[in-house]
Amino acid sequence: MARRSTGLSERLRKIMTFLGDFQGKNGYSPSIRQIGENIGVGSTSLVDYYLNQLQQMSLIERDQHVSRSIRVLQPLVDQARRVAKAVTELLAIPVLGRIVASEPIPMPPTDSTTGYFDAESSIEIARSLLPAKEKVDELFALEVQGESMIDALVNNGDIVIMKSAQVADNGDMVAVWLDDENRTTLKFFYKEKNHIRLQPANPNMDPIIIKNPQHLRIMGKVIMVIRQVESLAV
């Protein structure tokens, strides 16, 4: 279930505190990986997303193509006034794991201890960035693994915000579960005359043809993509 908050979130506050402490001690900014380790987030794409939020609030500035280029613009004690203008409401959307955007692969066991995300993982998004009609309690996030959707601007390491759904229209980008194979994948959905076609957005990959619709379960539709920015600051 998505959680609502106002002002600067606890995770963003932790990042600002860590940036100030680290820079005061070392004279330069930490890497994205060091920031993630400090706040308990393993995905560099999530850390990059949070840094973008702070940059949009004019609390930091950085060059995404230069390592350790973060500069704190506003001391933590003076943030409240700026943040009140920049953020009206933040939603914490749970990150449930990875979705494969290539050939489907088996899902890990539900009791696996090797999962990348724990049950408390979440990504914070301003409510204003989401479609107004969406019910926030129906939303969840997945990290993309694979390159089959690259022509749809969904790359390896990106985060997709999903809306829970059991049906889809032709052309929807969906997360699907293949019952007969116990596998999952992210593809465009097309219901055709004698089958369902799961279409990748990569000219080097073939579609997956499902002849028996009962072997496929739609788990959710993509409503937003958070891009992984490739940079040296990792």
Protein backbone atom coordinates (compact mmCIF):
# COMPACT_ATOMS: atom_id res chain seq x y z
CA MET A 1 0.00 0.00 0.00
CA ALA A 2 1.36 3.42 -0.92
CA ARG A 3 2.05 5.75 1.98
CA ARG A 4 1.50 9.50 1.89
CA SER A 5 3.75 12.14 3.39
CA THR A 6 4.29 15.87 3.12
CA GLY A 7 7.47 17.95 3.03
CA LEU A 8 10.94 16.44 2.85
CA SER A 9 10.75 12.67 3.26
CA GLU A 10 12.85 10.79 5.79
CA ARG A 11 14.93 9.21 3.02
CA LEU A 12 15.67 12.58 1.36
CA ARG A 13 16.49 14.05 4.77
CA LYS A 14 18.94 11.19 5.39
CA ILE A 15 20.63 11.86 2.05
CA MET A 16 21.03 15.56 2.84
CA THR A 17 22.44 14.79 6.28
CA PHE A 18 24.89 12.24 4.84
CA LEU A 19 25.98 14.65 2.09
CA GLY A 20 26.70 17.40 4.61
CA ASP A 21 28.56 15.11 7.02
CA PHE A 22 30.58 13.37 4.28
CA GLN A 23 31.60 16.58 2.53
CA GLY A 24 32.50 18.25 5.83
CA LYS A 25 34.78 15.34 6.74
CA ASN A 26 36.34 14.56 3.35
CA GLY A 27 36.14 17.78 1.36
CA TYR A 28 34.37 16.10 -1.58
CA SER A 29 31.00 14.45 -2.20
CA PRO A 30 30.24 10.72 -1.83
CA SER A 31 29.52 8.44 -4.77
CA ILE A 32 26.01 7.26 -5.61
CA ARG A 33 26.89 3.80 -4.29
CA GLN A 34 28.09 5.25 -0.98
CA ILE A 35 24.86 7.24 -0.63
CA GLY A 36 22.84 4.11 -1.31
CA GLU A 37 24.78 2.11 1.27
CA ASN A 38 24.19 4.82 3.88
CA ILE A 39 20.41 4.98 3.37
CA GLY A 40 19.95 1.24 2.81
CA VAL A 41 19.10 1.37 -0.92
CA GLY A 42 20.93 -1.05 -3.22
CA SER A 43 19.66 0.29 -6.56
CA THR A 44 21.73 3.14 -8.01
CA SER A 45 18.73 4.12 -10.16
CA LEU A 46 16.69 4.83 -7.01
CA VAL A 47 19.50 6.88 -5.49
CA ASP A 48 19.85 8.81 -8.74
CA TYR A 49 16.09 9.47 -8.70
CA TYR A 50 16.27 10.88 -5.15
CA LEU A 51 19.21 13.11 -6.09
CA ASN A 52 17.20 14.43 -9.04
CA GLN A 53 14.39 15.30 -6.60
CA LEU A 54 16.80 17.23 -4.37
CA GLN A 55 18.22 18.99 -7.41
CA GLN A 56 14.73 20.03 -8.55
CA MET A 57 14.13 21.45 -5.06
CA SER A 58 17.33 23.54 -5.46
CA LEU A 59 18.85 21.84 -2.42
CA ILE A 60 21.82 20.42 -4.33
CA GLU A 61 23.50 20.79 -7.69
CA ARG A 62 25.57 18.25 -9.58
CA ASP A 63 26.96 17.27 -12.95
CA GLN A 64 25.57 13.80 -13.74
CA HIS A 65 28.55 13.10 -16.01
CA VAL A 66 31.20 13.91 -13.40
CA SER A 67 31.92 11.62 -10.47
CA ARG A 68 31.48 13.07 -6.95
CA SER A 69 30.17 16.40 -8.25
CA ILE A 70 27.30 16.90 -5.75
CA ARG A 71 27.25 20.25 -3.95
CA VAL A 72 24.84 21.11 -1.14
CA LEU A 73 23.20 24.46 -1.87
CA GLN A 74 20.92 24.80 1.14
CA PRO A 75 21.79 23.81 4.72
CA LEU A 76 19.45 21.23 6.23
CA VAL A 77 18.11 23.65 8.83
CA ASP A 78 16.90 26.06 6.09
CA GLN A 79 15.19 23.49 3.88
CA ALA A 80 11.60 23.68 5.15
CA ARG A 81 10.73 26.89 3.30
CA ARG A 82 12.07 25.67 -0.04
CA VAL A 83 10.57 22.21 0.29
CA ALA A 84 7.11 23.56 1.12
CA LYS A 85 7.13 25.27 -2.27
CA ALA A 86 8.64 22.33 -4.17
CA VAL A 87 6.73 19.35 -2.77
CA THR A 88 3.07 19.20 -1.78
CA GLU A 89 2.78 15.45 -1.30
CA LEU A 90 5.06 12.44 -1.61
CA LEU A 91 3.91 8.86 -2.08
CA ALA A 92 6.01 5.88 -1.01
CA ILE A 93 5.34 3.15 -3.58
CA PRO A 94 6.57 -0.36 -2.70
CA VAL A 95 9.32 -1.85 -4.86
CA LEU A 96 8.40 -5.54 -5.08
CA GLY A 97 11.40 -6.87 -7.02
CA ARG A 98 12.62 -7.25 -10.58
CA ILE A 99 10.76 -7.81 -13.85
CA VAL A 100 12.59 -9.29 -16.82
CA ALA A 101 12.46 -7.37 -20.10
CA SER A 102 14.08 -10.07 -22.23
CA GLU A 103 13.42 -13.76 -22.45
CA PRO A 104 11.21 -14.74 -19.50
CA ILE A 105 13.00 -16.24 -16.53
CA PRO A 106 11.71 -18.09 -13.46
CA MET A 107 10.68 -15.97 -10.50
CA PRO A 108 12.69 -16.53 -7.31
CA PRO A 109 10.94 -18.40 -4.47
CA THR A 110 8.83 -16.18 -2.22
CA ASP A 111 10.96 -17.24 0.75
CA SER A 112 14.25 -16.56 -1.04
CA THR A 113 16.88 -14.76 1.04
CA THR A 114 18.76 -13.64 -2.06
CA GLY A 115 16.18 -11.12 -3.26
CA TYR A 116 17.51 -7.69 -4.19
CA PHE A 117 14.73 -5.79 -2.42
CA ASP A 118 13.30 -6.38 1.04
CA ALA A 119 9.67 -6.02 2.02
CA GLU A 120 10.18 -2.42 3.17
CA SER A 121 11.75 -1.14 -0.06
CA SER A 122 9.91 1.76 -1.63
CA ILE A 123 10.38 4.66 -4.02
CA GLU A 124 9.03 8.11 -3.21
CA ILE A 125 7.23 10.01 -5.98
CA ALA A 126 5.45 13.36 -5.97
CA ARG A 127 1.71 12.78 -6.38
CA SER A 128 1.63 15.46 -9.09
CA LEU A 129 3.81 13.27 -11.37
CA LEU A 130 1.24 10.46 -11.47
CA PRO A 131 -1.96 10.43 -13.55
CA ALA A 132 -4.73 11.97 -11.46
CA LYS A 133 -7.09 9.05 -12.08
CA GLU A 134 -4.78 6.42 -10.62
CA LYS A 135 -5.54 5.00 -7.17
CA VAL A 136 -2.25 5.07 -5.32
CA ASP A 137 -3.06 1.95 -3.29
CA GLU A 138 -3.04 -0.05 -6.56
CA LEU A 139 0.49 0.99 -7.50
CA PHE A 140 3.78 -0.89 -7.11
CA ALA A 141 7.25 -0.63 -8.62
CA LEU A 142 9.62 -3.10 -10.27
CA GLU A 143 13.22 -2.81 -11.41
CA VAL A 144 13.71 -3.76 -15.06
CA GLN A 145 16.25 -6.40 -16.00
CA GLY A 146 17.05 -6.95 -19.67
CA GLU A 147 16.93 -5.03 -22.95
CA SER A 148 13.88 -6.27 -24.84
CA MET A 149 12.00 -2.96 -24.32
CA ILE A 150 14.79 -0.54 -25.22
CA ASP A 151 12.95 0.93 -28.22
CA ALA A 152 10.15 1.85 -25.79
CA LEU A 153 12.77 3.74 -23.74
CA VAL A 154 12.75 1.11 -20.99
CA ASN A 155 16.32 0.05 -20.28
CA ASN A 156 18.09 -2.33 -17.96
CA GLY A 157 18.07 -0.85 -14.45
CA ASP A 158 15.07 1.43 -15.00
CA ILE A 159 12.19 1.44 -12.52
CA VAL A 160 8.66 0.91 -13.85
CA ILE A 161 5.65 2.08 -11.85
CA MET A 162 2.87 -0.46 -12.29
CA LYS A 163 -0.89 -0.39 -11.76
CA SER A 164 -2.35 -3.69 -10.60
CA ALA A 165 -4.50 -5.12 -13.41
CA GLN A 166 -5.86 -8.45 -14.61
CA VAL A 167 -6.86 -7.37 -18.14
CA ALA A 168 -5.14 -5.29 -20.80
CA ASP A 169 -5.85 -3.56 -24.09
CA ASN A 170 -3.79 -4.07 -27.22
CA GLY A 171 -0.63 -2.00 -27.02
CA ASP A 172 -0.44 -1.87 -23.21
CA MET A 173 2.96 -2.56 -21.67
CA VAL A 174 2.29 -5.24 -19.09
CA ALA A 175 3.94 -7.51 -16.57
CA VAL A 176 2.70 -11.04 -17.22
CA TRP A 177 3.04 -14.41 -15.54
CA LEU A 178 3.23 -17.52 -17.75
CA ASP A 179 1.51 -20.24 -15.74
CA ASP A 180 2.73 -23.23 -17.72
CA GLU A 181 6.37 -22.17 -17.36
CA ASN A 182 6.31 -20.39 -13.97
CA ARG A 183 7.99 -17.45 -15.64
CA THR A 184 7.51 -13.70 -15.78
CA THR A 185 8.24 -11.02 -18.39
CA LEU A 186 7.57 -7.40 -19.40
CA LYS A 187 6.20 -6.90 -22.91
CA PHE A 188 3.60 -5.14 -25.06
CA PHE A 189 0.29 -7.02 -25.05
CA TYR A 190 -1.68 -7.90 -28.21
CA LYS A 191 -4.72 -10.16 -28.34
CA GLU A 192 -4.98 -11.57 -31.87
CA LYS A 193 -7.25 -14.04 -33.65
CA ASN A 194 -5.86 -17.35 -32.41
CA HIS A 195 -3.31 -16.34 -29.83
CA ILE A 196 -1.84 -13.63 -27.61
CA ARG A 197 1.34 -11.95 -28.76
CA LEU A 198 3.80 -10.56 -26.21
CA GLN A 199 5.83 -8.13 -28.28
CA PRO A 200 9.31 -6.90 -27.31
CA ALA A 201 10.46 -3.43 -28.30
CA ASN A 202 13.77 -4.63 -29.66
CA PRO A 203 14.21 -5.56 -33.36
CA ASN A 204 16.68 -8.29 -32.42
CA MET A 205 14.15 -10.24 -30.33
CA ASP A 206 11.16 -12.31 -31.39
CA PRO A 207 7.67 -12.04 -29.88
CA ILE A 208 6.36 -14.65 -27.45
CA ILE A 209 3.24 -16.36 -28.81
CA ILE A 210 0.75 -17.71 -26.26
CA LYS A 211 -1.74 -20.04 -27.94
CA ASN A 212 -3.72 -20.78 -24.78
CA PRO A 213 -4.77 -17.54 -23.00
CA GLN A 214 -5.39 -19.50 -19.81
CA HIS A 215 -1.62 -19.97 -19.49
CA LEU A 216 -1.10 -16.24 -19.12
CA ARG A 217 -1.94 -13.95 -16.19
CA ILE A 218 -1.64 -10.18 -16.41
CA MET A 219 -0.18 -8.78 -13.19
CA GLY A 220 -0.09 -5.06 -13.96
CA LYS A 221 0.24 -2.24 -16.51
CA VAL A 222 3.12 0.22 -16.76
CA ILE A 223 2.02 3.81 -16.08
CA MET A 224 5.41 5.48 -15.57
CA VAL A 225 9.11 4.78 -16.17
CA ILE A 226 11.92 6.19 -14.02
CA ARG A 227 15.02 6.18 -16.18
CA GLN A 228 18.42 4.97 -15.01
CA VAL A 229 20.82 7.79 -15.84
CA GLU A 230 24.19 6.47 -16.91
CA SER A 231 26.96 8.57 -15.42
CA LEU A 232 30.37 8.40 -13.79
CA ALA A 233 28.93 9.30 -10.39
CA VAL A 234 28.32 5.77 -9.18
